Each structure stands twice: as structure tokens, then as C-alpha cells.
Amino acid sequence: MKKLWSWMIIAIVGCMTTTWAQDIELSEVVVSAVNYKYLQSIGSEDAAIPVKLLEEKVAHYDLKGSELYSDEYDTYTVSFYIPQGTIVAVYDKDGNIIKTIERFKNINLPKEVNQALYKRFPGWTVKGDVYRVSYRQGQEVSKKIY
């Protein structure tokens, strides 16, 4: 009798789990950064990791959620700092990046830049460097200077 009850309980639990395990289809969601044009324009694939991280922070900054936001201003200037450098970004009242000025010191240079330096100046070493980026809304490619 105990075995019969055990089998009945197992069968009931087994039936219940199959009803719970039904697939539910959800609608498709597309997620993109608000300032994806900024990220595309600066093209930071070859930039050093600290630079990439700060540029992503600038792109994902929630202006309307910050304490700086007020309906009475048209533009906002926000500065972002890390030990290697700074980014000064100008946002419009909707949170879109209008322009940025970026300056970083002593970061890892891209592989192509290092190779060009070693080829042109064999035997020399790089003691320091400055990396600058200038972005303006509407430009397809930003200006980069090493």
C-alpha cells in the first residue's frame, strides 16, 4: 500500500512539473546605447582599456537622472576623471552628446602606432605619451592624436 501511495505521489508531481515547464514566448527587445553614434564615431576598438571604460561611462551617463539636470538649461558640461586622463562632455537637454574633448596621458598605445614608432625610430623607447580625441555630433569620424 505504501508503494502504491508513493507511486501516485510521484505521478502527480510528475504531471504538475510538465505543466509548469511550458515555454513562454516574449516579444523581441532591442537594447542600444543612447549615444551609440558617439561610440561609433570615436571607434575605440584599439584604445587602451581604461580609455574604453571611461568612454562607455560617458556614453551611458544618465543626464536626466542626475542632480545636475534642470529643464531650464539647453546644454550641460560634465567632466569624467580617471588617473590616466579626463573626458569633458557636452550634453543637450535630452541627454545626447553634442561634443567631447578627451585627453589621456601614458596609456598603452595601439599596436599599429607602436609598430610605426619602432620601425621609424629603432632602438628608441617611449617614455610617455598623450592621447587626444575630439568628437562633434554629426561627424562620422572623430579626430584622434597620439
C-alpha atoms as a PDB file:
ATOM      1  CA  MET A   1       0.000   0.000   0.000  1.00  0.00           C
ATOM      2  CA  LYS A   2       2.862   2.379   0.831  1.00  0.00           C
ATOM      3  CA  LYS A   3       4.403   1.687  -2.573  1.00  0.00           C
ATOM      4  CA  LEU A   4       1.095   2.490  -4.261  1.00  0.00           C
ATOM      5  CA  TRP A   5       0.865   5.838  -2.460  1.00  0.00           C
ATOM      6  CA  SER A   6       4.475   6.595  -3.307  1.00  0.00           C
ATOM      7  CA  TRP A   7       3.896   5.922  -6.995  1.00  0.00           C
ATOM      8  CA  MET A   8       0.730   8.021  -7.013  1.00  0.00           C
ATOM      9  CA  ILE A   9       2.540  10.980  -5.438  1.00  0.00           C
ATOM     10  CA  ILE A  10       5.407  10.653  -7.918  1.00  0.00           C
ATOM     11  CA  ALA A  11       2.927  10.535 -10.822  1.00  0.00           C
ATOM     12  CA  ILE A  12       1.048  13.627  -9.590  1.00  0.00           C
ATOM     13  CA  VAL A  13       4.247  15.598  -9.054  1.00  0.00           C
ATOM     14  CA  GLY A  14       5.497  14.489 -12.480  1.00  0.00           C
ATOM     15  CA  CYS A  15       2.297  15.704 -14.159  1.00  0.00           C
ATOM     16  CA  MET A  16       2.460  19.023 -12.340  1.00  0.00           C
ATOM     17  CA  THR A  17       6.041  19.710 -13.387  1.00  0.00           C
ATOM     18  CA  THR A  18       5.234  19.179 -17.061  1.00  0.00           C
ATOM     19  CA  THR A  19       2.502  21.813 -16.862  1.00  0.00           C
ATOM     20  CA  TRP A  20       4.886  24.244 -15.161  1.00  0.00           C
ATOM     21  CA  ALA A  21       7.635  23.722 -17.749  1.00  0.00           C
ATOM     22  CA  GLN A  22       5.769  25.229 -20.679  1.00  0.00           C
ATOM     23  CA  ASP A  23       7.686  27.681 -22.870  1.00  0.00           C
ATOM     24  CA  ILE A  24       6.504  31.262 -22.841  1.00  0.00           C
ATOM     25  CA  GLU A  25       7.356  33.435 -25.839  1.00  0.00           C
ATOM     26  CA  LEU A  26       8.201  37.046 -25.153  1.00  0.00           C
ATOM     27  CA  SER A  27       8.354  39.861 -27.646  1.00  0.00           C
ATOM     28  CA  GLU A  28      11.767  40.801 -29.025  1.00  0.00           C
ATOM     29  CA  VAL A  29      13.642  43.624 -27.305  1.00  0.00           C
ATOM     30  CA  VAL A  30      16.472  45.600 -28.890  1.00  0.00           C
ATOM     31  CA  VAL A  31      18.853  47.334 -26.485  1.00  0.00           C
ATOM     32  CA  SER A  32      21.234  50.044 -27.672  1.00  0.00           C
ATOM     33  CA  ALA A  33      23.185  52.831 -26.050  1.00  0.00           C
ATOM     34  CA  VAL A  34      21.592  56.253 -26.177  1.00  0.00           C
ATOM     35  CA  ASN A  35      24.811  57.727 -27.527  1.00  0.00           C
ATOM     36  CA  TYR A  36      25.748  54.910 -29.901  1.00  0.00           C
ATOM     37  CA  LYS A  37      26.777  57.447 -32.572  1.00  0.00           C
ATOM     38  CA  TYR A  38      29.436  58.782 -30.204  1.00  0.00           C
ATOM     39  CA  LEU A  39      30.788  55.271 -29.609  1.00  0.00           C
ATOM     40  CA  GLN A  40      30.810  54.528 -33.349  1.00  0.00           C
ATOM     41  CA  SER A  41      32.498  57.817 -34.210  1.00  0.00           C
ATOM     42  CA  ILE A  42      35.353  57.511 -31.715  1.00  0.00           C
ATOM     43  CA  GLY A  43      35.994  53.893 -32.740  1.00  0.00           C
ATOM     44  CA  SER A  44      37.745  52.864 -29.542  1.00  0.00           C
ATOM     45  CA  GLU A  45      38.463  49.257 -30.585  1.00  0.00           C
ATOM     46  CA  ASP A  46      42.204  49.897 -30.470  1.00  0.00           C
ATOM     47  CA  ALA A  47      42.174  52.190 -27.419  1.00  0.00           C
ATOM     48  CA  ALA A  48      43.547  51.183 -24.025  1.00  0.00           C
ATOM     49  CA  ILE A  49      41.109  49.523 -21.604  1.00  0.00           C
ATOM     50  CA  PRO A  50      40.836  52.490 -19.165  1.00  0.00           C
ATOM     51  CA  VAL A  51      40.007  54.758 -22.117  1.00  0.00           C
ATOM     52  CA  LYS A  52      37.331  52.364 -23.401  1.00  0.00           C
ATOM     53  CA  LEU A  53      35.739  52.066 -19.969  1.00  0.00           C
ATOM     54  CA  LEU A  54      35.571  55.825 -19.457  1.00  0.00           C
ATOM     55  CA  GLU A  55      34.169  56.391 -22.961  1.00  0.00           C
ATOM     56  CA  GLU A  56      31.448  53.811 -22.273  1.00  0.00           C
ATOM     57  CA  LYS A  57      30.662  55.570 -18.995  1.00  0.00           C
ATOM     58  CA  VAL A  58      30.298  58.867 -20.893  1.00  0.00           C
ATOM     59  CA  ALA A  59      28.002  57.224 -23.467  1.00  0.00           C
ATOM     60  CA  HIS A  60      25.774  55.625 -20.816  1.00  0.00           C
ATOM     61  CA  TYR A  61      25.609  58.636 -18.483  1.00  0.00           C
ATOM     62  CA  ASP A  62      22.024  59.325 -17.373  1.00  0.00           C
ATOM     63  CA  LEU A  63      21.792  63.111 -17.523  1.00  0.00           C
ATOM     64  CA  LYS A  64      18.093  63.320 -16.673  1.00  0.00           C
ATOM     65  CA  GLY A  65      18.598  61.105 -13.630  1.00  0.00           C
ATOM     66  CA  SER A  66      21.481  63.185 -12.295  1.00  0.00           C
ATOM     67  CA  GLU A  67      21.268  66.017  -9.785  1.00  0.00           C
ATOM     68  CA  LEU A  68      22.617  68.420 -12.444  1.00  0.00           C
ATOM     69  CA  TYR A  69      19.506  68.179 -14.601  1.00  0.00           C
ATOM     70  CA  SER A  70      17.058  71.072 -14.765  1.00  0.00           C
ATOM     71  CA  ASP A  71      14.546  71.912 -17.506  1.00  0.00           C
ATOM     72  CA  GLU A  72      15.816  75.485 -17.780  1.00  0.00           C
ATOM     73  CA  TYR A  73      19.213  74.665 -19.396  1.00  0.00           C
ATOM     74  CA  ASP A  74      19.822  73.668 -23.020  1.00  0.00           C
ATOM     75  CA  THR A  75      23.307  72.169 -22.587  1.00  0.00           C
ATOM     76  CA  TYR A  76      25.248  70.550 -19.764  1.00  0.00           C
ATOM     77  CA  THR A  77      29.011  70.174 -19.433  1.00  0.00           C
ATOM     78  CA  VAL A  78      30.046  67.099 -17.447  1.00  0.00           C
ATOM     79  CA  SER A  79      33.635  66.079 -16.644  1.00  0.00           C
ATOM     80  CA  PHE A  80      34.728  62.467 -16.145  1.00  0.00           C
ATOM     81  CA  TYR A  81      38.065  61.676 -14.497  1.00  0.00           C
ATOM     82  CA  ILE A  82      40.391  58.706 -14.121  1.00  0.00           C
ATOM     83  CA  PRO A  83      44.060  58.817 -13.086  1.00  0.00           C
ATOM     84  CA  GLN A  84      45.179  58.492 -16.728  1.00  0.00           C
ATOM     85  CA  GLY A  85      43.030  61.328 -18.077  1.00  0.00           C
ATOM     86  CA  THR A  86      39.749  63.167 -18.459  1.00  0.00           C
ATOM     87  CA  ILE A  87      36.774  63.469 -20.763  1.00  0.00           C
ATOM     88  CA  VAL A  88      34.754  66.684 -20.851  1.00  0.00           C
ATOM     89  CA  ALA A  89      31.392  66.009 -22.499  1.00  0.00           C
ATOM     90  CA  VAL A  90      28.682  68.463 -23.520  1.00  0.00           C
ATOM     91  CA  TYR A  91      25.151  67.017 -23.491  1.00  0.00           C
ATOM     92  CA  ASP A  92      21.940  68.528 -24.821  1.00  0.00           C
ATOM     93  CA  LYS A  93      18.797  68.630 -22.653  1.00  0.00           C
ATOM     94  CA  ASP A  94      17.743  65.191 -23.986  1.00  0.00           C
ATOM     95  CA  GLY A  95      20.987  63.544 -22.846  1.00  0.00           C
ATOM     96  CA  ASN A  96      22.607  63.283 -26.294  1.00  0.00           C
ATOM     97  CA  ILE A  97      26.320  64.024 -26.558  1.00  0.00           C
ATOM     98  CA  ILE A  98      26.993  67.167 -28.593  1.00  0.00           C
ATOM     99  CA  LYS A  99      30.799  67.152 -28.293  1.00  0.00           C
ATOM    100  CA  THR A 100      33.646  65.789 -26.207  1.00  0.00           C
ATOM    101  CA  ILE A 101      37.253  66.668 -25.537  1.00  0.00           C
ATOM    102  CA  GLU A 102      39.350  63.756 -24.295  1.00  0.00           C
ATOM    103  CA  ARG A 103      42.930  63.751 -23.038  1.00  0.00           C
ATOM    104  CA  PHE A 104      44.847  60.798 -21.612  1.00  0.00           C
ATOM    105  CA  LYS A 105      48.488  60.503 -20.508  1.00  0.00           C
ATOM    106  CA  ASN A 106      50.794  57.481 -20.513  1.00  0.00           C
ATOM    107  CA  ILE A 107      48.342  54.887 -21.768  1.00  0.00           C
ATOM    108  CA  ASN A 108      49.121  51.825 -23.865  1.00  0.00           C
ATOM    109  CA  LEU A 109      49.425  52.868 -27.479  1.00  0.00           C
ATOM    110  CA  PRO A 110      47.624  50.857 -30.159  1.00  0.00           C
ATOM    111  CA  LYS A 111      49.660  48.077 -31.742  1.00  0.00           C
ATOM    112  CA  GLU A 112      49.848  49.866 -35.103  1.00  0.00           C
ATOM    113  CA  VAL A 113      51.203  53.066 -33.523  1.00  0.00           C
ATOM    114  CA  ASN A 114      53.823  51.134 -31.534  1.00  0.00           C
ATOM    115  CA  GLN A 115      54.956  49.264 -34.650  1.00  0.00           C
ATOM    116  CA  ALA A 116      55.225  52.501 -36.648  1.00  0.00           C
ATOM    117  CA  LEU A 117      57.316  54.122 -33.888  1.00  0.00           C
ATOM    118  CA  TYR A 118      59.670  51.159 -33.573  1.00  0.00           C
ATOM    119  CA  LYS A 119      60.064  50.989 -37.342  1.00  0.00           C
ATOM    120  CA  ARG A 120      60.808  54.699 -37.695  1.00  0.00           C
ATOM    121  CA  PHE A 121      62.971  55.024 -34.563  1.00  0.00           C
ATOM    122  CA  PRO A 122      64.696  51.662 -33.980  1.00  0.00           C
ATOM    123  CA  GLY A 123      66.318  51.297 -30.574  1.00  0.00           C
ATOM    124  CA  TRP A 124      64.333  54.138 -29.027  1.00  0.00           C
ATOM    125  CA  THR A 125      61.847  53.737 -26.174  1.00  0.00           C
ATOM    126  CA  VAL A 126      58.629  55.578 -25.444  1.00  0.00           C
ATOM    127  CA  LYS A 127      58.861  57.374 -22.082  1.00  0.00           C
ATOM    128  CA  GLY A 128      55.445  58.998 -22.191  1.00  0.00           C
ATOM    129  CA  ASP A 129      52.581  59.745 -24.486  1.00  0.00           C
ATOM    130  CA  VAL A 130      49.444  61.859 -24.758  1.00  0.00           C
ATOM    131  CA  TYR A 131      46.274  60.635 -26.463  1.00  0.00           C
ATOM    132  CA  ARG A 132      43.664  63.201 -27.522  1.00  0.00           C
ATOM    133  CA  VAL A 133      40.239  62.673 -29.043  1.00  0.00           C
ATOM    134  CA  SER A 134      37.846  65.331 -30.280  1.00  0.00           C
ATOM    135  CA  TYR A 135      34.215  64.432 -31.080  1.00  0.00           C
ATOM    136  CA  ARG A 136      31.457  66.619 -32.520  1.00  0.00           C
ATOM    137  CA  GLN A 137      27.905  65.497 -33.146  1.00  0.00           C
ATOM    138  CA  GLY A 138      27.357  64.837 -36.846  1.00  0.00           C
ATOM    139  CA  GLN A 139      30.958  63.866 -37.617  1.00  0.00           C
ATOM    140  CA  GLU A 140      31.365  60.305 -38.836  1.00  0.00           C
ATOM    141  CA  VAL A 141      34.963  60.029 -37.633  1.00  0.00           C
ATOM    142  CA  SER A 142      36.449  61.750 -34.606  1.00  0.00           C
ATOM    143  CA  LYS A 143      39.856  63.411 -34.596  1.00  0.00           C
ATOM    144  CA  LYS A 144      42.489  61.356 -32.732  1.00  0.00           C
ATOM    145  CA  ILE A 145      46.036  62.478 -31.971  1.00  0.00           C
ATOM    146  CA  TYR A 146      48.765  60.382 -30.327  1.00  0.00           C
END
